[in-house]
């Protein structure tokens, strides 16, 4: 499966810890992330991650294009809901595209864990048939 990973600045450490905890599952899949998030995850997990540009420099558009082409099977976007920093990209278009193309999307740790465990059980294998 192709899994997208994005985190606002205030959630990057949480994303790193999430990826450490689920490294075993994530290592069996193709991972895609915006630049800084991907680099930080690689540093602590040694996972192989395809990195786009930083989110504020167009990485969200690159990820959005992959979603529109049905090349992402799930997206984990740990976001700051109350006070995103000015350089945090506005990813409402990416969220909207996930809804349009039926891509499972997690915006918090609880749903991220549900999606990762579902992928591990094979609950989302049906997505492979549509590529």
C-alpha atoms as a PDB file:
ATOM      1  CA  UNK A   1       0.000   0.000   0.000  1.00  0.00           C
ATOM      2  CA  UNK A   2       1.018   3.604  -0.572  1.00  0.00           C
ATOM      3  CA  UNK A   3       0.737   5.609   2.627  1.00  0.00           C
ATOM      4  CA  UNK A   4       1.026   9.405   2.785  1.00  0.00           C
ATOM      5  CA  UNK A   5       2.419  11.108   5.900  1.00  0.00           C
ATOM      6  CA  UNK A   6       2.063  14.819   6.708  1.00  0.00           C
ATOM      7  CA  UNK A   7       2.433  16.695   9.991  1.00  0.00           C
ATOM      8  CA  UNK A   8       2.167  20.330  10.930  1.00  0.00           C
ATOM      9  CA  UNK A   9       5.226  21.625  12.794  1.00  0.00           C
ATOM     10  CA  UNK A  10       3.672  21.186  16.239  1.00  0.00           C
ATOM     11  CA  UNK A  11       2.841  17.543  15.446  1.00  0.00           C
ATOM     12  CA  UNK A  12       6.109  16.406  13.859  1.00  0.00           C
ATOM     13  CA  UNK A  13       7.426  14.797  17.060  1.00  0.00           C
ATOM     14  CA  UNK A  14       4.109  12.979  17.473  1.00  0.00           C
ATOM     15  CA  UNK A  15       4.437  11.712  13.882  1.00  0.00           C
ATOM     16  CA  UNK A  16       7.978  10.522  14.587  1.00  0.00           C
ATOM     17  CA  UNK A  17       6.792   8.643  17.680  1.00  0.00           C
ATOM     18  CA  UNK A  18       3.866   7.154  15.741  1.00  0.00           C
ATOM     19  CA  UNK A  19       6.233   5.902  13.036  1.00  0.00           C
ATOM     20  CA  UNK A  20       8.612   4.452  15.631  1.00  0.00           C
ATOM     21  CA  UNK A  21       5.711   2.592  17.250  1.00  0.00           C
ATOM     22  CA  UNK A  22       4.391   1.206  13.951  1.00  0.00           C
ATOM     23  CA  UNK A  23       7.728   0.833  12.158  1.00  0.00           C
ATOM     24  CA  UNK A  24       7.165  -2.884  11.616  1.00  0.00           C
ATOM     25  CA  UNK A  25       3.926  -2.298   9.742  1.00  0.00           C
ATOM     26  CA  UNK A  26       5.109   0.806   7.889  1.00  0.00           C
ATOM     27  CA  UNK A  27       8.271  -0.937   6.672  1.00  0.00           C
ATOM     28  CA  UNK A  28       6.144  -3.276   4.533  1.00  0.00           C
ATOM     29  CA  UNK A  29       4.573  -0.421   2.570  1.00  0.00           C
ATOM     30  CA  UNK A  30       5.540   2.477   0.314  1.00  0.00           C
ATOM     31  CA  UNK A  31       5.713   5.718   2.269  1.00  0.00           C
ATOM     32  CA  UNK A  32       5.341   9.254   0.921  1.00  0.00           C
ATOM     33  CA  UNK A  33       5.751  12.445   2.929  1.00  0.00           C
ATOM     34  CA  UNK A  34       6.264  16.145   2.594  1.00  0.00           C
ATOM     35  CA  UNK A  35       9.948  17.068   2.816  1.00  0.00           C
ATOM     36  CA  UNK A  36      10.603  17.996   6.422  1.00  0.00           C
ATOM     37  CA  UNK A  37       8.209  15.420   7.857  1.00  0.00           C
ATOM     38  CA  UNK A  38       9.776  12.689   5.721  1.00  0.00           C
ATOM     39  CA  UNK A  39      13.311  13.645   6.711  1.00  0.00           C
ATOM     40  CA  UNK A  40      12.445  13.687  10.409  1.00  0.00           C
ATOM     41  CA  UNK A  41      10.756  10.284  10.202  1.00  0.00           C
ATOM     42  CA  UNK A  42      13.715   8.801   8.318  1.00  0.00           C
ATOM     43  CA  UNK A  43      16.127  10.093  10.956  1.00  0.00           C
ATOM     44  CA  UNK A  44      14.413   8.244  13.810  1.00  0.00           C
ATOM     45  CA  UNK A  45      13.088   5.123  12.062  1.00  0.00           C
ATOM     46  CA  UNK A  46      15.463   4.428   9.173  1.00  0.00           C
ATOM     47  CA  UNK A  47      12.376   3.831   7.005  1.00  0.00           C
ATOM     48  CA  UNK A  48      12.640   4.510   3.286  1.00  0.00           C
ATOM     49  CA  UNK A  49      10.380   7.461   2.482  1.00  0.00           C
ATOM     50  CA  UNK A  50       9.762   9.175  -0.838  1.00  0.00           C
ATOM     51  CA  UNK A  51       9.964  12.859   0.048  1.00  0.00           C
ATOM     52  CA  UNK A  52       8.124  15.604  -1.776  1.00  0.00           C
ATOM     53  CA  UNK A  53       8.972  19.263  -1.399  1.00  0.00           C
ATOM     54  CA  UNK A  54       8.245  20.855   1.971  1.00  0.00           C
ATOM     55  CA  UNK A  55       4.510  21.365   2.372  1.00  0.00           C
ATOM     56  CA  UNK A  56       4.742  25.148   2.177  1.00  0.00           C
ATOM     57  CA  UNK A  57       6.868  24.909  -0.990  1.00  0.00           C
ATOM     58  CA  UNK A  58       4.432  22.761  -2.959  1.00  0.00           C
ATOM     59  CA  UNK A  59       4.665  19.360  -1.315  1.00  0.00           C
ATOM     60  CA  UNK A  60       0.938  19.372  -0.589  1.00  0.00           C
ATOM     61  CA  UNK A  61       0.230  19.890  -4.304  1.00  0.00           C
ATOM     62  CA  UNK A  62       2.537  17.001  -5.195  1.00  0.00           C
ATOM     63  CA  UNK A  63       0.738  14.769  -2.716  1.00  0.00           C
ATOM     64  CA  UNK A  64      -2.623  16.030  -3.951  1.00  0.00           C
ATOM     65  CA  UNK A  65      -1.708  15.053  -7.507  1.00  0.00           C
ATOM     66  CA  UNK A  66      -0.862  11.546  -6.344  1.00  0.00           C
ATOM     67  CA  UNK A  67      -4.213  11.327  -4.517  1.00  0.00           C
ATOM     68  CA  UNK A  68      -6.049  12.502  -7.665  1.00  0.00           C
ATOM     69  CA  UNK A  69      -4.338   9.740  -9.642  1.00  0.00           C
ATOM     70  CA  UNK A  70      -5.465   7.186  -7.013  1.00  0.00           C
ATOM     71  CA  UNK A  71      -1.847   6.442  -6.118  1.00  0.00           C
ATOM     72  CA  UNK A  72      -2.230   6.974  -2.354  1.00  0.00           C
ATOM     73  CA  UNK A  73      -4.151   4.340  -0.393  1.00  0.00           C
ATOM     74  CA  UNK A  74      -4.263   6.101   2.986  1.00  0.00           C
ATOM     75  CA  UNK A  75      -3.184   9.462   4.358  1.00  0.00           C
ATOM     76  CA  UNK A  76      -2.100  10.287   7.880  1.00  0.00           C
ATOM     77  CA  UNK A  77      -2.141  14.029   8.404  1.00  0.00           C
ATOM     78  CA  UNK A  78      -1.422  15.035  11.984  1.00  0.00           C
ATOM     79  CA  UNK A  79      -2.514  18.637  12.032  1.00  0.00           C
ATOM     80  CA  UNK A  80      -2.667  21.496  14.467  1.00  0.00           C
ATOM     81  CA  UNK A  81      -6.413  22.214  14.676  1.00  0.00           C
ATOM     82  CA  UNK A  82      -6.323  25.465  16.654  1.00  0.00           C
ATOM     83  CA  UNK A  83      -3.287  27.547  15.822  1.00  0.00           C
ATOM     84  CA  UNK A  84      -1.296  26.357  12.824  1.00  0.00           C
ATOM     85  CA  UNK A  85       1.899  28.291  12.211  1.00  0.00           C
ATOM     86  CA  UNK A  86       1.974  30.685   9.262  1.00  0.00           C
ATOM     87  CA  UNK A  87       4.317  28.347   7.340  1.00  0.00           C
ATOM     88  CA  UNK A  88       2.052  25.302   7.899  1.00  0.00           C
ATOM     89  CA  UNK A  89       0.421  24.587   4.544  1.00  0.00           C
ATOM     90  CA  UNK A  90      -3.340  24.778   4.159  1.00  0.00           C
ATOM     91  CA  UNK A  91      -4.236  21.223   3.308  1.00  0.00           C
ATOM     92  CA  UNK A  92      -7.994  21.620   2.994  1.00  0.00           C
ATOM     93  CA  UNK A  93      -7.711  20.770  -0.711  1.00  0.00           C
ATOM     94  CA  UNK A  94      -5.894  17.516   0.131  1.00  0.00           C
ATOM     95  CA  UNK A  95      -8.568  16.644   2.696  1.00  0.00           C
ATOM     96  CA  UNK A  96     -11.291  17.411   0.142  1.00  0.00           C
ATOM     97  CA  UNK A  97      -9.545  15.200  -2.435  1.00  0.00           C
ATOM     98  CA  UNK A  98      -9.398  12.315   0.058  1.00  0.00           C
ATOM     99  CA  UNK A  99     -13.156  12.663   0.483  1.00  0.00           C
ATOM    100  CA  UNK A 100     -13.680  12.850  -3.282  1.00  0.00           C
ATOM    101  CA  UNK A 101     -11.577   9.771  -4.084  1.00  0.00           C
ATOM    102  CA  UNK A 102     -12.473   7.737  -0.964  1.00  0.00           C
ATOM    103  CA  UNK A 103      -8.955   7.730   0.457  1.00  0.00           C
ATOM    104  CA  UNK A 104      -8.910   6.841   4.169  1.00  0.00           C
ATOM    105  CA  UNK A 105      -7.684   9.897   6.070  1.00  0.00           C
ATOM    106  CA  UNK A 106      -6.532  10.266   9.675  1.00  0.00           C
ATOM    107  CA  UNK A 107      -6.167  13.723  11.183  1.00  0.00           C
ATOM    108  CA  UNK A 108      -5.369  12.609  14.721  1.00  0.00           C
ATOM    109  CA  UNK A 109      -3.448   9.857  16.476  1.00  0.00           C
ATOM    110  CA  UNK A 110      -6.481   7.687  17.264  1.00  0.00           C
ATOM    111  CA  UNK A 111      -7.642   7.440  13.655  1.00  0.00           C
ATOM    112  CA  UNK A 112      -4.046   7.049  12.463  1.00  0.00           C
ATOM    113  CA  UNK A 113      -3.728   3.954  14.647  1.00  0.00           C
ATOM    114  CA  UNK A 114      -7.050   2.599  13.352  1.00  0.00           C
ATOM    115  CA  UNK A 115      -5.955   3.022   9.733  1.00  0.00           C
ATOM    116  CA  UNK A 116      -2.512   1.461  10.263  1.00  0.00           C
ATOM    117  CA  UNK A 117      -3.974  -1.530  12.098  1.00  0.00           C
ATOM    118  CA  UNK A 118      -6.630  -1.901   9.378  1.00  0.00           C
ATOM    119  CA  UNK A 119      -3.919  -1.915   6.723  1.00  0.00           C
ATOM    120  CA  UNK A 120      -2.022  -4.552   8.695  1.00  0.00           C
ATOM    121  CA  UNK A 121      -5.131  -6.767   8.908  1.00  0.00           C
ATOM    122  CA  UNK A 122      -5.751  -6.395   5.170  1.00  0.00           C
ATOM    123  CA  UNK A 123      -8.979  -4.422   5.553  1.00  0.00           C
ATOM    124  CA  UNK A 124      -7.911  -1.986   2.828  1.00  0.00           C
ATOM    125  CA  UNK A 125      -6.607  -4.535   0.327  1.00  0.00           C
ATOM    126  CA  UNK A 126      -9.593  -3.715  -1.880  1.00  0.00           C
ATOM    127  CA  UNK A 127      -7.774  -0.492  -2.814  1.00  0.00           C
ATOM    128  CA  UNK A 128      -5.134  -2.547  -4.671  1.00  0.00           C
ATOM    129  CA  UNK A 129      -7.818  -3.685  -7.141  1.00  0.00           C
ATOM    130  CA  UNK A 130      -8.502  -0.123  -8.268  1.00  0.00           C
ATOM    131  CA  UNK A 131      -4.983   0.727  -9.398  1.00  0.00           C
END
